[in-house]
Amino acid sequence: MNLLSVVIIGVLGLLGVGLYALLITRNLIKIVVALQILVKAILLAIIMAGKVQGNMALAQSMALTVIVADTIVAVLGLALAVQIRRQLGTLDVQALSTLRR
């Protein structure tokens, strides 16, 4: 197996785990973690695409931009989850969907 095959298997594995976790969980914090797993798969794919195309500098700069944006989204998501827990006492997404009136 060459490096490209290993990376493709890794990307598909991370995508599978992230999507599965995103579909089965109802906890807001676990949803943020599942999204983080999906982003790590995308980062791995971006870096490997840059290596295959021979443009690692562009791939690394794109990956760094994604990491910064992803960190901001994760922090905001976790802060939102903490505030929801303080106000409502639950992190269950189904319980939050009943708040519409």
PDB file of N, CA and C in Angstrom:
ATOM      1  N   MET A   1       0.848  -1.185   0.000  1.00  0.00           N
ATOM      2  CA  MET A   1       0.000   0.000   0.000  1.00  0.00           C
ATOM      3  C   MET A   1       0.889   1.244   0.000  1.00  0.00           C
ATOM      4  N   ASN A   2       0.568   2.161  -0.865  1.00  0.00           N
ATOM      5  CA  ASN A   2       1.326   3.408  -0.898  1.00  0.00           C
ATOM      6  C   ASN A   2       0.659   4.453  -0.002  1.00  0.00           C
ATOM      7  N   LEU A   3       1.291   5.600   0.105  1.00  0.00           N
ATOM      8  CA  LEU A   3       0.824   6.658   0.997  1.00  0.00           C
ATOM      9  C   LEU A   3      -0.562   7.164   0.605  1.00  0.00           C
ATOM     10  N   LEU A   4      -0.805   7.288  -0.687  1.00  0.00           N
ATOM     11  CA  LEU A   4      -2.098   7.782  -1.150  1.00  0.00           C
ATOM     12  C   LEU A   4      -3.241   6.863  -0.722  1.00  0.00           C
ATOM     13  N   SER A   5      -3.040   5.567  -0.816  1.00  0.00           N
ATOM     14  CA  SER A   5      -4.079   4.609  -0.412  1.00  0.00           C
ATOM     15  C   SER A   5      -4.359   4.695   1.085  1.00  0.00           C
ATOM     16  N   VAL A   6      -3.308   4.829   1.873  1.00  0.00           N
ATOM     17  CA  VAL A   6      -3.478   4.918   3.327  1.00  0.00           C
ATOM     18  C   VAL A   6      -4.240   6.186   3.689  1.00  0.00           C
ATOM     19  N   VAL A   7      -3.916   7.296   3.043  1.00  0.00           N
ATOM     20  CA  VAL A   7      -4.588   8.560   3.340  1.00  0.00           C
ATOM     21  C   VAL A   7      -6.049   8.497   2.909  1.00  0.00           C
ATOM     22  N   ILE A   8      -6.329   7.912   1.757  1.00  0.00           N
ATOM     23  CA  ILE A   8      -7.727   7.789   1.309  1.00  0.00           C
ATOM     24  C   ILE A   8      -8.528   6.941   2.283  1.00  0.00           C
ATOM     25  N   ILE A   9      -7.944   5.850   2.751  1.00  0.00           N
ATOM     26  CA  ILE A   9      -8.627   5.009   3.743  1.00  0.00           C
ATOM     27  C   ILE A   9      -8.849   5.794   5.036  1.00  0.00           C
ATOM     28  N   GLY A  10      -7.842   6.567   5.443  1.00  0.00           N
ATOM     29  CA  GLY A  10      -7.980   7.386   6.650  1.00  0.00           C
ATOM     30  C   GLY A  10      -9.066   8.437   6.517  1.00  0.00           C
ATOM     31  N   VAL A  11      -9.111   9.107   5.358  1.00  0.00           N
ATOM     32  CA  VAL A  11     -10.137  10.131   5.121  1.00  0.00           C
ATOM     33  C   VAL A  11     -11.520   9.503   5.139  1.00  0.00           C
ATOM     34  N   LEU A  12     -11.681   8.385   4.434  1.00  0.00           N
ATOM     35  CA  LEU A  12     -12.991   7.727   4.411  1.00  0.00           C
ATOM     36  C   LEU A  12     -13.393   7.212   5.791  1.00  0.00           C
ATOM     37  N   GLY A  13     -12.411   6.712   6.545  1.00  0.00           N
ATOM     38  CA  GLY A  13     -12.702   6.249   7.896  1.00  0.00           C
ATOM     39  C   GLY A  13     -13.152   7.386   8.806  1.00  0.00           C
ATOM     40  N   LEU A  14     -12.429   8.507   8.759  1.00  0.00           N
ATOM     41  CA  LEU A  14     -12.810   9.659   9.578  1.00  0.00           C
ATOM     42  C   LEU A  14     -14.168  10.220   9.153  1.00  0.00           C
ATOM     43  N   LEU A  15     -14.419  10.270   7.851  1.00  0.00           N
ATOM     44  CA  LEU A  15     -15.727  10.732   7.383  1.00  0.00           C
ATOM     45  C   LEU A  15     -16.840   9.813   7.868  1.00  0.00           C
ATOM     46  N   GLY A  16     -16.598   8.513   7.810  1.00  0.00           N
ATOM     47  CA  GLY A  16     -17.602   7.559   8.285  1.00  0.00           C
ATOM     48  C   GLY A  16     -17.887   7.695   9.762  1.00  0.00           C
ATOM     49  N   VAL A  17     -16.828   7.796  10.550  1.00  0.00           N
ATOM     50  CA  VAL A  17     -16.993   7.943  12.003  1.00  0.00           C
ATOM     51  C   VAL A  17     -17.702   9.254  12.331  1.00  0.00           C
ATOM     52  N   GLY A  18     -17.287  10.341  11.673  1.00  0.00           N
ATOM     53  CA  GLY A  18     -17.894  11.645  11.934  1.00  0.00           C
ATOM     54  C   GLY A  18     -19.367  11.694  11.550  1.00  0.00           C
ATOM     55  N   LEU A  19     -19.686  11.155  10.377  1.00  0.00           N
ATOM     56  CA  LEU A  19     -21.092  11.156   9.953  1.00  0.00           C
ATOM     57  C   LEU A  19     -21.945  10.265  10.847  1.00  0.00           C
ATOM     58  N   TYR A  20     -21.423   9.103  11.210  1.00  0.00           N
ATOM     59  CA  TYR A  20     -22.163   8.202  12.094  1.00  0.00           C
ATOM     60  C   TYR A  20     -22.421   8.873  13.444  1.00  0.00           C
ATOM     61  N   ALA A  21     -21.381   9.491  14.004  1.00  0.00           N
ATOM     62  CA  ALA A  21     -21.547  10.169  15.294  1.00  0.00           C
ATOM     63  C   ALA A  21     -22.519  11.333  15.185  1.00  0.00           C
ATOM     64  N   LEU A  22     -22.485  12.029  14.060  1.00  0.00           N
ATOM     65  CA  LEU A  22     -23.387  13.161  13.870  1.00  0.00           C
ATOM     66  C   LEU A  22     -24.839  12.703  13.764  1.00  0.00           C
ATOM     67  N   LEU A  23     -25.044  11.544  13.159  1.00  0.00           N
ATOM     68  CA  LEU A  23     -26.410  11.050  12.970  1.00  0.00           C
ATOM     69  C   LEU A  23     -27.010  10.428  14.222  1.00  0.00           C
ATOM     70  N   ILE A  24     -26.203   9.803  15.076  1.00  0.00           N
ATOM     71  CA  ILE A  24     -26.785   9.072  16.199  1.00  0.00           C
ATOM     72  C   ILE A  24     -26.850   9.866  17.495  1.00  0.00           C
ATOM     73  N   THR A  25     -26.120  10.956  17.602  1.00  0.00           N
ATOM     74  CA  THR A  25     -26.063  11.660  18.885  1.00  0.00           C
ATOM     75  C   THR A  25     -27.105  12.775  18.951  1.00  0.00           C
ATOM     76  N   ARG A  26     -27.534  13.053  20.185  1.00  0.00           N
ATOM     77  CA  ARG A  26     -28.484  14.134  20.418  1.00  0.00           C
ATOM     78  C   ARG A  26     -27.912  15.177  21.371  1.00  0.00           C
ATOM     79  N   ASN A  27     -26.701  14.950  21.878  1.00  0.00           N
ATOM     80  CA  ASN A  27     -26.052  15.864  22.799  1.00  0.00           C
ATOM     81  C   ASN A  27     -25.299  16.931  22.007  1.00  0.00           C
ATOM     82  N   LEU A  28     -25.462  18.199  22.380  1.00  0.00           N
ATOM     83  CA  LEU A  28     -24.833  19.285  21.638  1.00  0.00           C
ATOM     84  C   LEU A  28     -23.305  19.223  21.660  1.00  0.00           C
ATOM     85  N   ILE A  29     -22.723  18.842  22.769  1.00  0.00           N
ATOM     86  CA  ILE A  29     -21.264  18.763  22.855  1.00  0.00           C
ATOM     87  C   ILE A  29     -20.746  17.634  21.978  1.00  0.00           C
ATOM     88  N   LYS A  30     -21.441  16.515  21.945  1.00  0.00           N
ATOM     89  CA  LYS A  30     -21.029  15.411  21.076  1.00  0.00           C
ATOM     90  C   LYS A  30     -21.188  15.781  19.603  1.00  0.00           C
ATOM     91  N   ILE A  31     -22.143  16.619  19.286  1.00  0.00           N
ATOM     92  CA  ILE A  31     -22.301  17.091  17.916  1.00  0.00           C
ATOM     93  C   ILE A  31     -21.105  17.951  17.510  1.00  0.00           C
ATOM     94  N   VAL A  32     -20.644  18.802  18.411  1.00  0.00           N
ATOM     95  CA  VAL A  32     -19.459  19.623  18.128  1.00  0.00           C
ATOM     96  C   VAL A  32     -18.239  18.726  17.913  1.00  0.00           C
ATOM     97  N   VAL A  33     -18.085  17.687  18.714  1.00  0.00           N
ATOM     98  CA  VAL A  33     -16.962  16.757  18.554  1.00  0.00           C
ATOM     99  C   VAL A  33     -17.061  16.015  17.217  1.00  0.00           C
ATOM    100  N   ALA A  34     -18.262  15.602  16.838  1.00  0.00           N
ATOM    101  CA  ALA A  34     -18.445  14.927  15.547  1.00  0.00           C
ATOM    102  C   ALA A  34     -18.087  15.849  14.386  1.00  0.00           C
ATOM    103  N   LEU A  35     -18.453  17.110  14.498  1.00  0.00           N
ATOM    104  CA  LEU A  35     -18.081  18.074  13.464  1.00  0.00           C
ATOM    105  C   LEU A  35     -16.565  18.265  13.403  1.00  0.00           C
ATOM    106  N   GLN A  36     -15.905  18.218  14.550  1.00  0.00           N
ATOM    107  CA  GLN A  36     -14.446  18.321  14.580  1.00  0.00           C
ATOM    108  C   GLN A  36     -13.801  17.130  13.859  1.00  0.00           C
ATOM    109  N   ILE A  37     -14.355  15.949  14.037  1.00  0.00           N
ATOM    110  CA  ILE A  37     -13.839  14.765  13.351  1.00  0.00           C
ATOM    111  C   ILE A  37     -14.000  14.917  11.840  1.00  0.00           C
ATOM    112  N   LEU A  38     -15.149  15.429  11.410  1.00  0.00           N
ATOM    113  CA  LEU A  38     -15.368  15.642   9.978  1.00  0.00           C
ATOM    114  C   LEU A  38     -14.378  16.655   9.412  1.00  0.00           C
ATOM    115  N   VAL A  39     -14.105  17.703  10.139  1.00  0.00           N
ATOM    116  CA  VAL A  39     -13.158  18.717   9.664  1.00  0.00           C
ATOM    117  C   VAL A  39     -11.753  18.141   9.572  1.00  0.00           C
ATOM    118  N   LYS A  40     -11.377  17.268  10.505  1.00  0.00           N
ATOM    119  CA  LYS A  40     -10.050  16.650  10.440  1.00  0.00           C
ATOM    120  C   LYS A  40      -9.924  15.782   9.194  1.00  0.00           C
ATOM    121  N   ALA A  41     -10.987  15.124   8.793  1.00  0.00           N
ATOM    122  CA  ALA A  41     -10.957  14.344   7.552  1.00  0.00           C
ATOM    123  C   ALA A  41     -10.759  15.256   6.354  1.00  0.00           C
ATOM    124  N   ILE A  42     -11.430  16.387   6.348  1.00  0.00           N
ATOM    125  CA  ILE A  42     -11.288  17.341   5.249  1.00  0.00           C
ATOM    126  C   ILE A  42      -9.864  17.900   5.206  1.00  0.00           C
ATOM    127  N   LEU A  43      -9.298  18.193   6.370  1.00  0.00           N
ATOM    128  CA  LEU A  43      -7.925  18.694   6.413  1.00  0.00           C
ATOM    129  C   LEU A  43      -6.939  17.682   5.846  1.00  0.00           C
ATOM    130  N   LEU A  44      -7.122  16.428   6.206  1.00  0.00           N
ATOM    131  CA  LEU A  44      -6.263  15.378   5.680  1.00  0.00           C
ATOM    132  C   LEU A  44      -6.387  15.277   4.163  1.00  0.00           C
ATOM    133  N   ALA A  45      -7.606  15.409   3.653  1.00  0.00           N
ATOM    134  CA  ALA A  45      -7.825  15.366   2.204  1.00  0.00           C
ATOM    135  C   ALA A  45      -7.198  16.570   1.507  1.00  0.00           C
ATOM    136  N   ILE A  46      -7.290  17.734   2.105  1.00  0.00           N
ATOM    137  CA  ILE A  46      -6.697  18.942   1.508  1.00  0.00           C
ATOM    138  C   ILE A  46      -5.175  18.805   1.421  1.00  0.00           C
ATOM    139  N   ILE A  47      -4.560  18.333   2.499  1.00  0.00           N
ATOM    140  CA  ILE A  47      -3.108  18.178   2.506  1.00  0.00           C
ATOM    141  C   ILE A  47      -2.672  17.138   1.477  1.00  0.00           C
ATOM    142  N   MET A  48      -3.398  16.039   1.390  1.00  0.00           N
ATOM    143  CA  MET A  48      -3.019  15.009   0.414  1.00  0.00           C
ATOM    144  C   MET A  48      -3.233  15.497  -1.012  1.00  0.00           C
ATOM    145  N   ALA A  49      -4.283  16.259  -1.251  1.00  0.00           N
ATOM    146  CA  ALA A  49      -4.504  16.816  -2.591  1.00  0.00           C
ATOM    147  C   ALA A  49      -3.381  17.771  -2.963  1.00  0.00           C
ATOM    148  N   GLY A  50      -2.901  18.548  -2.029  1.00  0.00           N
ATOM    149  CA  GLY A  50      -1.778  19.438  -2.292  1.00  0.00           C
ATOM    150  C   GLY A  50      -0.511  18.676  -2.610  1.00  0.00           C
ATOM    151  N   LYS A  51      -0.299  17.554  -1.915  1.00  0.00           N
ATOM    152  CA  LYS A  51       0.879  16.736  -2.186  1.00  0.00           C
ATOM    153  C   LYS A  51       0.788  16.109  -3.573  1.00  0.00           C
ATOM    154  N   VAL A  52      -0.386  15.616  -3.939  1.00  0.00           N
ATOM    155  CA  VAL A  52      -0.567  14.986  -5.248  1.00  0.00           C
ATOM    156  C   VAL A  52      -0.391  16.015  -6.363  1.00  0.00           C
ATOM    157  N   GLN A  53      -0.916  17.219  -6.171  1.00  0.00           N
ATOM    158  CA  GLN A  53      -0.821  18.255  -7.187  1.00  0.00           C
ATOM    159  C   GLN A  53       0.549  18.947  -7.210  1.00  0.00           C
ATOM    160  N   GLY A  54       1.342  18.724  -6.175  1.00  0.00           N
ATOM    161  CA  GLY A  54       2.656  19.343  -6.116  1.00  0.00           C
ATOM    162  C   GLY A  54       2.642  20.772  -5.629  1.00  0.00           C
ATOM    163  N   ASN A  55       1.601  21.169  -4.951  1.00  0.00           N
ATOM    164  CA  ASN A  55       1.476  22.533  -4.459  1.00  0.00           C
ATOM    165  C   ASN A  55       1.200  22.501  -2.952  1.00  0.00           C
ATOM    166  N   MET A  56       2.214  22.068  -2.194  1.00  0.00           N
ATOM    167  CA  MET A  56       2.045  21.919  -0.751  1.00  0.00           C
ATOM    168  C   MET A  56       1.858  23.249  -0.036  1.00  0.00           C
ATOM    169  N   ALA A  57       2.463  24.315  -0.549  1.00  0.00           N
ATOM    170  CA  ALA A  57       2.341  25.621   0.113  1.00  0.00           C
ATOM    171  C   ALA A  57       0.886  26.079   0.128  1.00  0.00           C
ATOM    172  N   LEU A  58       0.205  25.935  -0.989  1.00  0.00           N
ATOM    173  CA  LEU A  58      -1.213  26.314  -1.052  1.00  0.00           C
ATOM    174  C   LEU A  58      -2.064  25.421  -0.151  1.00  0.00           C
ATOM    175  N   ALA A  59      -1.792  24.128  -0.175  1.00  0.00           N
ATOM    176  CA  ALA A  59      -2.555  23.198   0.658  1.00  0.00           C
ATOM    177  C   ALA A  59      -2.358  23.487   2.138  1.00  0.00           C
ATOM    178  N   GLN A  60      -1.128  23.794   2.530  1.00  0.00           N
ATOM    179  CA  GLN A  60      -0.869  24.087   3.933  1.00  0.00           C
ATOM    180  C   GLN A  60      -1.517  25.392   4.370  1.00  0.00           C
ATOM    181  N   SER A  61      -1.521  26.384   3.499  1.00  0.00           N
ATOM    182  CA  SER A  61      -2.163  27.650   3.864  1.00  0.00           C
ATOM    183  C   SER A  61      -3.683  27.483   3.940  1.00  0.00           C
ATOM    184  N   MET A  62      -4.239  26.677   3.052  1.00  0.00           N
ATOM    185  CA  MET A  62      -5.677  26.405   3.128  1.00  0.00           C
ATOM    186  C   MET A  62      -6.013  25.633   4.398  1.00  0.00           C
ATOM    187  N   ALA A  63      -5.175  24.661   4.749  1.00  0.00           N
ATOM    188  CA  ALA A  63      -5.402  23.882   5.964  1.00  0.00           C
ATOM    189  C   ALA A  63      -5.317  24.767   7.201  1.00  0.00           C
ATOM    190  N   LEU A  64      -4.371  25.680   7.228  1.00  0.00           N
ATOM    191  CA  LEU A  64      -4.249  26.591   8.363  1.00  0.00           C
ATOM    192  C   LEU A  64      -5.480  27.485   8.482  1.00  0.00           C
ATOM    193  N   THR A  65      -5.988  27.960   7.356  1.00  0.00           N
ATOM    194  CA  THR A  65      -7.204  28.776   7.365  1.00  0.00           C
ATOM    195  C   THR A  65      -8.399  27.979   7.880  1.00  0.00           C
ATOM    196  N   VAL A  66      -8.503  26.731   7.449  1.00  0.00           N
ATOM    197  CA  VAL A  66      -9.598  25.869   7.916  1.00  0.00           C
ATOM    198  C   VAL A  66      -9.467  25.602   9.416  1.00  0.00           C
ATOM    199  N   ILE A  67      -8.249  25.409   9.892  1.00  0.00           N
ATOM    200  CA  ILE A  67      -8.041  25.156  11.322  1.00  0.00           C
ATOM    201  C   ILE A  67      -8.480  26.365  12.147  1.00  0.00           C
ATOM    202  N   VAL A  68      -8.134  27.564  11.708  1.00  0.00           N
ATOM    203  CA  VAL A  68      -8.526  28.777  12.436  1.00  0.00           C
ATOM    204  C   VAL A  68     -10.044  28.932  12.447  1.00  0.00           C
ATOM    205  N   ALA A  69     -10.665  28.785  11.287  1.00  0.00           N
ATOM    206  CA  ALA A  69     -12.123  28.918  11.210  1.00  0.00           C
ATOM    207  C   ALA A  69     -12.813  27.824  12.021  1.00  0.00           C
ATOM    208  N   ASP A  70     -12.285  26.620  11.968  1.00  0.00           N
ATOM    209  CA  ASP A  70     -12.875  25.505  12.707  1.00  0.00           C
ATOM    210  C   ASP A  70     -12.768  25.712  14.211  1.00  0.00           C
ATOM    211  N   THR A  71     -11.655  26.248  14.660  1.00  0.00           N
ATOM    212  CA  THR A  71     -11.489  26.524  16.081  1.00  0.00           C
ATOM    213  C   THR A  71     -12.493  27.562  16.562  1.00  0.00           C
ATOM    214  N   ILE A  72     -12.711  28.586  15.756  1.00  0.00           N
ATOM    215  CA  ILE A  72     -13.693  29.618  16.121  1.00  0.00           C
ATOM    216  C   ILE A  72     -15.091  29.016  16.205  1.00  0.00           C
ATOM    217  N   VAL A  73     -15.442  28.190  15.229  1.00  0.00           N
ATOM    218  CA  VAL A  73     -16.766  27.550  15.235  1.00  0.00           C
ATOM    219  C   VAL A  73     -16.921  26.634  16.442  1.00  0.00           C
ATOM    220  N   ALA A  74     -15.880  25.877  16.766  1.00  0.00           N
ATOM    221  CA  ALA A  74     -15.951  24.971  17.912  1.00  0.00           C
ATOM    222  C   ALA A  74     -16.114  25.736  19.223  1.00  0.00           C
ATOM    223  N   VAL A  75     -15.360  26.817  19.378  1.00  0.00           N
ATOM    224  CA  VAL A  75     -15.466  27.614  20.608  1.00  0.00           C
ATOM    225  C   VAL A  75     -16.857  28.228  20.736  1.00  0.00           C
ATOM    226  N   LEU A  76     -17.372  28.764  19.640  1.00  0.00           N
ATOM    227  CA  LEU A  76     -18.720  29.339  19.690  1.00  0.00           C
ATOM    228  C   LEU A  76     -19.778  28.272  19.953  1.00  0.00           C
ATOM    229  N   GLY A  77     -19.614  27.108  19.346  1.00  0.00           N
ATOM    230  CA  GLY A  77     -20.566  26.015  19.581  1.00  0.00           C
ATOM    231  C   GLY A  77     -20.558  25.543  21.018  1.00  0.00           C
ATOM    232  N   LEU A  78     -19.364  25.417  21.595  1.00  0.00           N
ATOM    233  CA  LEU A  78     -19.279  24.990  22.991  1.00  0.00           C
ATOM    234  C   LEU A  78     -19.794  26.074  23.938  1.00  0.00           C
ATOM    235  N   ALA A  79     -19.532  27.332  23.631  1.00  0.00           N
ATOM    236  CA  ALA A  79     -20.064  28.419  24.460  1.00  0.00           C
ATOM    237  C   ALA A  79     -21.586  28.444  24.402  1.00  0.00           C
ATOM    238  N   LEU A  80     -22.120  28.224  23.212  1.00  0.00           N
ATOM    239  CA  LEU A  80     -23.579  28.148  23.068  1.00  0.00           C
ATOM    240  C   LEU A  80     -24.149  26.974  23.853  1.00  0.00           C
ATOM    241  N   ALA A  81     -23.459  25.838  23.820  1.00  0.00           N
ATOM    242  CA  ALA A  81     -23.924  24.668  24.571  1.00  0.00           C
ATOM    243  C   ALA A  81     -23.912  24.927  26.071  1.00  0.00           C
ATOM    244  N   VAL A  82     -22.882  25.617  26.553  1.00  0.00           N
ATOM    245  CA  VAL A  82     -22.807  25.933  27.985  1.00  0.00           C
ATOM    246  C   VAL A  82     -23.956  26.853  28.389  1.00  0.00           C
ATOM    247  N   GLN A  83     -24.243  27.864  27.572  1.00  0.00           N
ATOM    248  CA  GLN A  83     -25.337  28.781  27.884  1.00  0.00           C
ATOM    249  C   GLN A  83     -26.703  28.086  27.821  1.00  0.00           C
ATOM    250  N   ILE A  84     -26.876  27.203  26.857  1.00  0.00           N
ATOM    251  CA  ILE A  84     -28.134  26.454  26.768  1.00  0.00           C
ATOM    252  C   ILE A  84     -28.295  25.562  27.995  1.00  0.00           C
ATOM    253  N   ARG A  85     -27.221  24.938  28.428  1.00  0.00           N
ATOM    254  CA  ARG A  85     -27.280  24.082  29.618  1.00  0.00           C
ATOM    255  C   ARG A  85     -27.623  24.900  30.854  1.00  0.00           C
ATOM    256  N   ARG A  86     -27.046  26.092  30.960  1.00  0.00           N
ATOM    257  CA  ARG A  86     -27.340  26.948  32.116  1.00  0.00           C
ATOM    258  C   ARG A  86     -28.781  27.417  32.120  1.00  0.00           C
ATOM    259  N   GLN A  87     -29.305  27.784  30.949  1.00  0.00           N
ATOM    260  CA  GLN A  87     -30.654  28.341  30.870  1.00  0.00           C
ATOM    261  C   GLN A  87     -31.740  27.272  30.933  1.00  0.00           C
ATOM    262  N   LEU A  88     -31.522  26.157  30.249  1.00  0.00           N
ATOM    263  CA  LEU A  88     -32.578  25.161  30.106  1.00  0.00           C
ATOM    264  C   LEU A  88     -32.345  23.874  30.874  1.00  0.00           C
ATOM    265  N   GLY A  89     -31.105  23.628  31.284  1.00  0.00           N
ATOM    266  CA  GLY A  89     -30.820  22.433  32.062  1.00  0.00           C
ATOM    267  C   GLY A  89     -30.647  21.170  31.233  1.00  0.00           C
ATOM    268  N   THR A  90     -30.565  21.273  29.926  1.00  0.00           N
ATOM    269  CA  THR A  90     -30.408  20.100  29.079  1.00  0.00           C
ATOM    270  C   THR A  90     -29.555  20.439  27.864  1.00  0.00           C
ATOM    271  N   LEU A  91     -28.920  19.409  27.319  1.00  0.00           N
ATOM    272  CA  LEU A  91     -28.170  19.552  26.081  1.00  0.00           C
ATOM    273  C   LEU A  91     -28.779  18.702  24.976  1.00  0.00           C
ATOM    274  N   ASP A  92     -29.949  18.138  25.234  1.00  0.00           N
ATOM    275  CA  ASP A  92     -30.619  17.267  24.269  1.00  0.00           C
ATOM    276  C   ASP A  92     -31.225  18.102  23.148  1.00  0.00           C
ATOM    277  N   VAL A  93     -30.870  17.771  21.917  1.00  0.00           N
ATOM    278  CA  VAL A  93     -31.340  18.525  20.756  1.00  0.00           C
ATOM    279  C   VAL A  93     -32.855  18.373  20.583  1.00  0.00           C
ATOM    280  N   GLN A  94     -33.376  17.202  20.862  1.00  0.00           N
ATOM    281  CA  GLN A  94     -34.832  17.003  20.733  1.00  0.00           C
ATOM    282  C   GLN A  94     -35.609  17.853  21.712  1.00  0.00           C
ATOM    283  N   ALA A  95     -35.080  18.018  22.920  1.00  0.00           N
ATOM    284  CA  ALA A  95     -35.753  18.865  23.902  1.00  0.00           C
ATOM    285  C   ALA A  95     -35.719  20.322  23.467  1.00  0.00           C
ATOM    286  N   LEU A  96     -34.659  20.707  22.787  1.00  0.00           N
ATOM    287  CA  LEU A  96     -34.548  22.093  22.310  1.00  0.00           C
ATOM    288  C   LEU A  96     -35.490  22.366  21.145  1.00  0.00           C
ATOM    289  N   SER A  97     -35.808  21.359  20.370  1.00  0.00           N
ATOM    290  CA  SER A  97     -36.693  21.570  19.224  1.00  0.00           C
ATOM    291  C   SER A  97     -38.140  21.824  19.653  1.00  0.00           C
ATOM    292  N   THR A  98     -38.469  21.526  20.890  1.00  0.00           N
ATOM    293  CA  THR A  98     -39.829  21.785  21.381  1.00  0.00           C
ATOM    294  C   THR A  98     -39.996  23.219  21.840  1.00  0.00           C
ATOM    295  N   LEU A  99     -38.946  24.024  21.771  1.00  0.00           N
ATOM    296  CA  LEU A  99     -39.026  25.410  22.233  1.00  0.00           C
ATOM    297  C   LEU A  99     -39.695  26.328  21.221  1.00  0.00           C
ATOM    298  N   ARG A 100     -39.954  25.854  20.007  1.00  0.00           N
ATOM    299  CA  ARG A 100     -40.589  26.701  18.999  1.00  0.00           C
ATOM    300  C   ARG A 100     -42.033  26.981  19.379  1.00  0.00           C
ATOM    301  N   ARG A 101     -42.414  28.228  19.280  1.00  0.00           N
ATOM    302  CA  ARG A 101     -43.801  28.588  19.585  1.00  0.00           C
ATOM    303  C   ARG A 101     -44.248  29.672  18.655  1.00  0.00           C
TER     304      ARG A 101
END
